[in-house]
Amino acid sequence: MYSQGVIYSGRNRRATVRAQKAWRSSLLLGALMVVSIAINAAIVLATGNGG
């Protein structure tokens, strides 16, 4: 099954590259969201529970 996937990806290299780029960008977006949430939480804690 894995080897079939490798052959398939080899046949559609351009499509897989595009998919990899999309996956990477979505991962980056998720990381940015996590970082922003963490920063917001830190600000809330620093200002005394959002007061």
N, C-alpha and C. Protein backbone atom coordinates (compact mmCIF):
# COMPACT_ATOMS: atom_id res chain seq x y z
N MET A 1 0.84 -1.19 0.00
CA MET A 1 0.00 0.00 0.00
C MET A 1 0.88 1.25 0.00
N TYR A 2 1.93 1.24 0.82
CA TYR A 2 2.84 2.39 0.91
C TYR A 2 3.57 2.59 -0.42
N SER A 3 4.04 1.46 -1.01
CA SER A 3 4.78 1.54 -2.27
C SER A 3 3.87 2.09 -3.37
N GLN A 4 2.59 1.70 -3.34
CA GLN A 4 1.63 2.23 -4.31
C GLN A 4 1.55 3.75 -4.18
N GLY A 5 1.52 4.24 -2.93
CA GLY A 5 1.47 5.67 -2.69
C GLY A 5 2.69 6.36 -3.26
N VAL A 6 3.86 5.74 -3.08
CA VAL A 6 5.11 6.31 -3.59
C VAL A 6 5.05 6.41 -5.11
N ILE A 7 4.59 5.32 -5.76
CA ILE A 7 4.47 5.32 -7.22
C ILE A 7 3.49 6.40 -7.66
N TYR A 8 2.37 6.50 -6.96
CA TYR A 8 1.33 7.48 -7.29
C TYR A 8 1.89 8.90 -7.18
N SER A 9 2.61 9.16 -6.10
CA SER A 9 3.19 10.49 -5.89
C SER A 9 4.23 10.78 -6.97
N GLY A 10 4.98 9.76 -7.36
CA GLY A 10 5.98 9.92 -8.41
C GLY A 10 5.33 10.29 -9.73
N ARG A 11 4.15 9.72 -9.98
CA ARG A 11 3.44 9.99 -11.22
C ARG A 11 2.87 11.41 -11.22
N ASN A 12 2.43 11.86 -10.04
CA ASN A 12 1.82 13.19 -9.93
C ASN A 12 2.67 14.08 -9.02
N ARG A 13 3.94 14.24 -9.41
CA ARG A 13 4.87 14.98 -8.56
C ARG A 13 4.41 16.42 -8.36
N ARG A 14 3.91 17.04 -9.43
CA ARG A 14 3.51 18.44 -9.35
C ARG A 14 2.36 18.60 -8.35
N ALA A 15 1.40 17.67 -8.42
CA ALA A 15 0.24 17.73 -7.52
C ALA A 15 0.68 17.53 -6.08
N THR A 16 1.60 16.58 -5.85
CA THR A 16 2.05 16.31 -4.48
C THR A 16 2.83 17.49 -3.93
N VAL A 17 3.62 18.14 -4.77
CA VAL A 17 4.38 19.32 -4.33
C VAL A 17 3.42 20.41 -3.90
N ARG A 18 2.35 20.58 -4.69
CA ARG A 18 1.33 21.58 -4.37
C ARG A 18 0.66 21.24 -3.05
N ALA A 19 0.35 19.95 -2.87
CA ALA A 19 -0.29 19.50 -1.63
C ALA A 19 0.63 19.72 -0.44
N GLN A 20 1.93 19.42 -0.63
CA GLN A 20 2.91 19.62 0.44
C GLN A 20 2.99 21.09 0.82
N LYS A 21 2.98 21.97 -0.18
CA LYS A 21 3.05 23.41 0.09
C LYS A 21 1.82 23.85 0.86
N ALA A 22 0.64 23.36 0.45
CA ALA A 22 -0.60 23.71 1.12
C ALA A 22 -0.57 23.22 2.56
N TRP A 23 -0.08 21.97 2.75
CA TRP A 23 0.00 21.39 4.08
C TRP A 23 0.94 22.21 4.95
N ARG A 24 2.06 22.61 4.38
CA ARG A 24 3.05 23.38 5.14
C ARG A 24 2.49 24.75 5.53
N SER A 25 1.80 25.40 4.61
CA SER A 25 1.24 26.72 4.88
C SER A 25 0.15 26.64 5.94
N SER A 26 -0.67 25.56 5.87
CA SER A 26 -1.73 25.39 6.87
C SER A 26 -1.11 25.12 8.23
N LEU A 27 -0.01 24.36 8.24
CA LEU A 27 0.69 24.07 9.49
C LEU A 27 1.24 25.37 10.08
N LEU A 28 1.81 26.22 9.20
CA LEU A 28 2.35 27.50 9.64
C LEU A 28 1.24 28.38 10.21
N LEU A 29 0.08 28.36 9.53
CA LEU A 29 -1.07 29.15 9.98
C LEU A 29 -1.52 28.68 11.35
N GLY A 30 -1.57 27.36 11.54
CA GLY A 30 -1.96 26.79 12.82
C GLY A 30 -0.99 27.19 13.92
N ALA A 31 0.30 27.16 13.60
CA ALA A 31 1.33 27.54 14.58
C ALA A 31 1.17 29.01 14.97
N LEU A 32 0.90 29.85 13.98
CA LEU A 32 0.69 31.28 14.25
C LEU A 32 -0.52 31.50 15.15
N MET A 33 -1.60 30.73 14.89
CA MET A 33 -2.80 30.83 15.72
C MET A 33 -2.50 30.44 17.15
N VAL A 34 -1.76 29.33 17.32
CA VAL A 34 -1.40 28.86 18.66
C VAL A 34 -0.57 29.92 19.38
N VAL A 35 0.39 30.51 18.66
CA VAL A 35 1.26 31.54 19.25
C VAL A 35 0.45 32.75 19.68
N SER A 36 -0.47 33.18 18.81
CA SER A 36 -1.30 34.36 19.13
C SER A 36 -2.19 34.08 20.33
N ILE A 37 -2.75 32.87 20.40
CA ILE A 37 -3.59 32.49 21.55
C ILE A 37 -2.75 32.50 22.82
N ALA A 38 -1.54 31.98 22.74
CA ALA A 38 -0.65 31.95 23.91
C ALA A 38 -0.32 33.37 24.36
N ILE A 39 -0.06 34.26 23.41
CA ILE A 39 0.26 35.66 23.73
C ILE A 39 -0.95 36.32 24.40
N ASN A 40 -2.14 36.08 23.84
CA ASN A 40 -3.37 36.64 24.42
C ASN A 40 -3.55 36.13 25.85
N ALA A 41 -3.33 34.84 26.07
CA ALA A 41 -3.47 34.26 27.40
C ALA A 41 -2.47 34.91 28.36
N ALA A 42 -1.24 35.12 27.88
CA ALA A 42 -0.21 35.74 28.72
C ALA A 42 -0.61 37.16 29.09
N ILE A 43 -1.16 37.90 28.14
CA ILE A 43 -1.60 39.28 28.39
C ILE A 43 -2.73 39.28 29.42
N VAL A 44 -3.69 38.37 29.26
CA VAL A 44 -4.82 38.27 30.18
C VAL A 44 -4.33 37.98 31.59
N LEU A 45 -3.38 37.04 31.69
CA LEU A 45 -2.83 36.68 33.01
C LEU A 45 -2.06 37.86 33.59
N ALA A 46 -1.32 38.57 32.75
CA ALA A 46 -0.50 39.68 33.22
C ALA A 46 -1.37 40.84 33.71
N THR A 47 -2.51 41.05 33.04
CA THR A 47 -3.38 42.17 33.41
C THR A 47 -4.36 41.79 34.51
N GLY A 48 -4.23 40.60 35.06
CA GLY A 48 -5.09 40.20 36.18
C GLY A 48 -6.42 39.63 35.71
N ASN A 49 -6.37 38.52 34.99
CA ASN A 49 -7.59 37.81 34.56
C ASN A 49 -8.53 38.70 33.75
N GLY A 50 -7.98 39.44 32.80
CA GLY A 50 -8.79 40.20 31.87
C GLY A 50 -9.47 41.40 32.50
N GLY A 51 -9.04 41.81 33.68
CA GLY A 51 -9.62 42.97 34.32
C GLY A 51 -8.99 44.20 33.72
